[in-house]
Amino acid sequence: TLHQDFRRYNQLETAEDAQEETGWKLVHGDVFRPPTKNELLSIYVGSGVQVLGMTLVTMVFAVLGFLSPANRGGLMSAMVLL
């Protein structure tokens, strides 16, 4: 759809077509505006990155053999401690 919009904007023939706003030009104000609750967004992003990093580190420890599957609950304990 974006390619069609670019093609249409490049092939404008009349001044009336040039004044008509369609496609991404109608939503560019919503796309590039800052979020209303930046603090909440940063909290969610930071928490998500922390959980993802903790999961990756725990899985690396498990793959390297530091966490034995014979030890029940060891994986969950390691995730909580990390």
N, C-alpha and C. Protein backbone atom coordinates (compact mmCIF):
# COMPACT_ATOMS: atom_id res chain seq x y z
N THR A 1 0.83 -1.20 0.00
CA THR A 1 0.00 0.00 0.00
C THR A 1 0.86 1.25 0.00
N LEU A 2 2.01 1.19 0.67
CA LEU A 2 2.88 2.34 0.72
C LEU A 2 3.48 2.63 -0.65
N HIS A 3 3.81 1.58 -1.38
CA HIS A 3 4.35 1.76 -2.73
C HIS A 3 3.31 2.41 -3.64
N GLN A 4 2.06 2.04 -3.48
CA GLN A 4 1.00 2.65 -4.29
C GLN A 4 0.87 4.14 -3.98
N ASP A 5 0.97 4.49 -2.68
CA ASP A 5 0.89 5.90 -2.30
C ASP A 5 2.06 6.68 -2.90
N PHE A 6 3.27 6.12 -2.82
CA PHE A 6 4.43 6.81 -3.39
C PHE A 6 4.28 6.99 -4.89
N ARG A 7 3.78 5.94 -5.56
CA ARG A 7 3.58 6.03 -7.00
C ARG A 7 2.55 7.12 -7.33
N ARG A 8 1.48 7.18 -6.55
CA ARG A 8 0.42 8.16 -6.79
C ARG A 8 0.95 9.58 -6.56
N TYR A 9 1.77 9.80 -5.52
CA TYR A 9 2.31 11.13 -5.24
C TYR A 9 3.30 11.55 -6.30
N ASN A 10 4.03 10.60 -6.86
CA ASN A 10 5.00 10.93 -7.91
C ASN A 10 4.35 11.20 -9.25
N GLN A 11 3.12 10.76 -9.46
CA GLN A 11 2.45 10.93 -10.75
C GLN A 11 1.33 11.96 -10.69
N LEU A 12 1.45 12.95 -9.83
CA LEU A 12 0.40 13.97 -9.74
C LEU A 12 0.38 14.79 -11.03
N GLU A 13 -0.81 14.94 -11.58
CA GLU A 13 -0.93 15.64 -12.86
C GLU A 13 -1.53 17.02 -12.71
N THR A 14 -2.44 17.20 -11.79
CA THR A 14 -3.10 18.50 -11.65
C THR A 14 -2.88 19.05 -10.25
N ALA A 15 -3.15 20.32 -10.09
CA ALA A 15 -3.00 20.96 -8.78
C ALA A 15 -4.05 20.43 -7.81
N GLU A 16 -5.20 20.05 -8.35
CA GLU A 16 -6.26 19.50 -7.50
C GLU A 16 -5.82 18.17 -6.88
N ASP A 17 -5.13 17.34 -7.63
CA ASP A 17 -4.60 16.08 -7.11
C ASP A 17 -3.53 16.33 -6.05
N ALA A 18 -2.76 17.39 -6.23
CA ALA A 18 -1.67 17.68 -5.30
C ALA A 18 -2.21 18.10 -3.94
N GLN A 19 -3.39 18.72 -3.90
CA GLN A 19 -3.95 19.18 -2.64
C GLN A 19 -4.66 18.06 -1.89
N GLU A 20 -5.01 17.01 -2.57
CA GLU A 20 -5.71 15.90 -1.93
C GLU A 20 -4.73 15.12 -1.05
N GLU A 21 -5.10 14.90 0.21
CA GLU A 21 -4.23 14.16 1.12
C GLU A 21 -4.83 12.79 1.37
N THR A 22 -4.08 11.77 1.03
CA THR A 22 -4.53 10.40 1.25
C THR A 22 -3.40 9.58 1.83
N GLY A 23 -3.73 8.40 2.28
CA GLY A 23 -2.72 7.46 2.74
C GLY A 23 -2.07 7.89 4.04
N TRP A 24 -0.76 7.78 4.08
CA TRP A 24 -0.02 8.04 5.32
C TRP A 24 -0.06 9.50 5.73
N LYS A 25 -0.36 10.40 4.80
CA LYS A 25 -0.41 11.82 5.16
C LYS A 25 -1.55 12.11 6.13
N LEU A 26 -2.58 11.28 6.13
CA LEU A 26 -3.68 11.49 7.07
C LEU A 26 -3.33 11.04 8.48
N VAL A 27 -2.41 10.11 8.62
CA VAL A 27 -2.09 9.57 9.95
C VAL A 27 -0.70 9.97 10.43
N HIS A 28 0.04 10.79 9.67
CA HIS A 28 1.40 11.10 10.09
C HIS A 28 1.44 11.85 11.41
N GLY A 29 0.40 12.59 11.73
CA GLY A 29 0.36 13.29 13.02
C GLY A 29 0.22 12.33 14.17
N ASP A 30 -0.51 11.25 14.00
CA ASP A 30 -0.67 10.26 15.05
C ASP A 30 0.55 9.37 15.18
N VAL A 31 1.22 9.11 14.08
CA VAL A 31 2.37 8.20 14.11
C VAL A 31 3.55 8.85 14.80
N PHE A 32 3.79 10.13 14.57
CA PHE A 32 4.99 10.78 15.07
C PHE A 32 4.76 11.58 16.34
N ARG A 33 3.58 11.49 16.96
CA ARG A 33 3.36 12.23 18.19
C ARG A 33 3.92 11.45 19.37
N PRO A 34 4.38 12.14 20.39
CA PRO A 34 4.92 11.42 21.56
C PRO A 34 3.79 10.74 22.33
N PRO A 35 4.09 9.65 23.03
CA PRO A 35 3.05 8.96 23.78
C PRO A 35 2.54 9.84 24.92
N THR A 36 1.29 9.64 25.29
CA THR A 36 0.71 10.47 26.35
C THR A 36 1.26 10.11 27.72
N LYS A 37 1.59 8.84 27.93
CA LYS A 37 2.11 8.40 29.22
C LYS A 37 3.50 7.81 29.03
N ASN A 38 4.50 8.70 28.84
CA ASN A 38 5.86 8.22 28.56
C ASN A 38 6.43 7.42 29.73
N GLU A 39 6.13 7.84 30.97
CA GLU A 39 6.68 7.14 32.14
C GLU A 39 6.21 5.69 32.18
N LEU A 40 4.92 5.49 31.93
CA LEU A 40 4.35 4.15 31.96
C LEU A 40 4.95 3.29 30.83
N LEU A 41 5.13 3.88 29.67
CA LEU A 41 5.75 3.16 28.56
C LEU A 41 7.17 2.74 28.90
N SER A 42 7.94 3.65 29.50
CA SER A 42 9.32 3.30 29.86
C SER A 42 9.36 2.24 30.94
N ILE A 43 8.42 2.23 31.86
CA ILE A 43 8.36 1.20 32.89
C ILE A 43 8.08 -0.15 32.26
N TYR A 44 7.11 -0.21 31.36
CA TYR A 44 6.78 -1.48 30.70
C TYR A 44 7.94 -1.99 29.85
N VAL A 45 8.57 -1.11 29.10
CA VAL A 45 9.69 -1.52 28.25
C VAL A 45 10.85 -2.00 29.11
N GLY A 46 11.16 -1.27 30.18
CA GLY A 46 12.25 -1.66 31.06
C GLY A 46 12.00 -2.99 31.74
N SER A 47 10.78 -3.21 32.20
CA SER A 47 10.43 -4.49 32.84
C SER A 47 10.50 -5.63 31.84
N GLY A 48 10.04 -5.40 30.65
CA GLY A 48 10.08 -6.44 29.63
C GLY A 48 11.50 -6.82 29.26
N VAL A 49 12.39 -5.83 29.15
CA VAL A 49 13.78 -6.10 28.84
C VAL A 49 14.44 -6.87 29.98
N GLN A 50 14.10 -6.50 31.20
CA GLN A 50 14.67 -7.19 32.35
C GLN A 50 14.23 -8.65 32.39
N VAL A 51 12.95 -8.92 32.17
CA VAL A 51 12.45 -10.30 32.17
C VAL A 51 13.07 -11.09 31.02
N LEU A 52 13.16 -10.50 29.86
CA LEU A 52 13.78 -11.17 28.72
C LEU A 52 15.24 -11.51 28.98
N GLY A 53 15.98 -10.56 29.52
CA GLY A 53 17.39 -10.80 29.84
C GLY A 53 17.55 -11.88 30.90
N MET A 54 16.70 -11.86 31.92
CA MET A 54 16.76 -12.87 32.96
C MET A 54 16.47 -14.25 32.40
N THR A 55 15.52 -14.35 31.52
CA THR A 55 15.17 -15.63 30.90
C THR A 55 16.32 -16.14 30.03
N LEU A 56 16.92 -15.26 29.25
CA LEU A 56 18.03 -15.67 28.39
C LEU A 56 19.23 -16.14 29.21
N VAL A 57 19.57 -15.42 30.28
CA VAL A 57 20.70 -15.81 31.11
C VAL A 57 20.43 -17.15 31.78
N THR A 58 19.21 -17.35 32.26
CA THR A 58 18.86 -18.62 32.90
C THR A 58 18.94 -19.76 31.90
N MET A 59 18.46 -19.54 30.68
CA MET A 59 18.53 -20.59 29.67
C MET A 59 19.98 -20.90 29.28
N VAL A 60 20.82 -19.88 29.23
CA VAL A 60 22.24 -20.11 28.92
C VAL A 60 22.87 -20.95 30.03
N PHE A 61 22.57 -20.65 31.29
CA PHE A 61 23.09 -21.45 32.40
C PHE A 61 22.58 -22.88 32.32
N ALA A 62 21.33 -23.06 31.93
CA ALA A 62 20.78 -24.41 31.82
C ALA A 62 21.44 -25.18 30.68
N VAL A 63 21.69 -24.51 29.56
CA VAL A 63 22.32 -25.17 28.42
C VAL A 63 23.77 -25.55 28.73
N LEU A 64 24.46 -24.70 29.48
CA LEU A 64 25.85 -24.97 29.82
C LEU A 64 26.00 -26.02 30.92
N GLY A 65 24.90 -26.40 31.53
CA GLY A 65 24.95 -27.46 32.51
C GLY A 65 25.05 -27.01 33.95
N PHE A 66 24.98 -25.72 34.20
CA PHE A 66 25.04 -25.23 35.57
C PHE A 66 23.77 -25.56 36.35
N LEU A 67 22.66 -25.70 35.65
CA LEU A 67 21.38 -26.02 36.29
C LEU A 67 20.98 -27.42 35.85
N SER A 68 20.99 -28.33 36.77
CA SER A 68 20.68 -29.72 36.45
C SER A 68 19.17 -29.94 36.43
N PRO A 69 18.66 -30.67 35.43
CA PRO A 69 17.23 -30.97 35.41
C PRO A 69 16.83 -31.95 36.52
N ALA A 70 17.82 -32.64 37.13
CA ALA A 70 17.51 -33.56 38.22
C ALA A 70 17.12 -32.81 39.48
N ASN A 71 17.59 -31.60 39.61
CA ASN A 71 17.27 -30.79 40.79
C ASN A 71 15.94 -30.08 40.54
N ARG A 72 14.88 -30.64 41.12
CA ARG A 72 13.54 -30.08 40.89
C ARG A 72 13.45 -28.67 41.47
N GLY A 73 12.99 -27.77 40.67
CA GLY A 73 12.82 -26.39 41.12
C GLY A 73 14.07 -25.55 41.01
N GLY A 74 15.16 -26.13 40.60
CA GLY A 74 16.41 -25.38 40.48
C GLY A 74 16.34 -24.29 39.42
N LEU A 75 15.67 -24.58 38.33
CA LEU A 75 15.54 -23.60 37.24
C LEU A 75 14.72 -22.40 37.71
N MET A 76 13.62 -22.67 38.39
CA MET A 76 12.77 -21.56 38.87
C MET A 76 13.48 -20.77 39.96
N SER A 77 14.22 -21.46 40.83
CA SER A 77 14.97 -20.76 41.87
C SER A 77 16.03 -19.85 41.25
N ALA A 78 16.69 -20.34 40.22
CA ALA A 78 17.70 -19.52 39.54
C ALA A 78 17.06 -18.32 38.87
N MET A 79 15.88 -18.47 38.29
CA MET A 79 15.21 -17.34 37.65
C MET A 79 14.82 -16.29 38.69
N VAL A 80 14.39 -16.73 39.88
CA VAL A 80 14.01 -15.78 40.91
C VAL A 80 15.25 -15.07 41.46
N LEU A 81 16.34 -15.80 41.64
CA LEU A 81 17.54 -15.21 42.19
C LEU A 81 18.24 -14.28 41.22
N LEU A 82 18.11 -14.54 39.92
CA LEU A 82 18.73 -13.65 38.93
C LEU A 82 17.91 -12.38 38.83
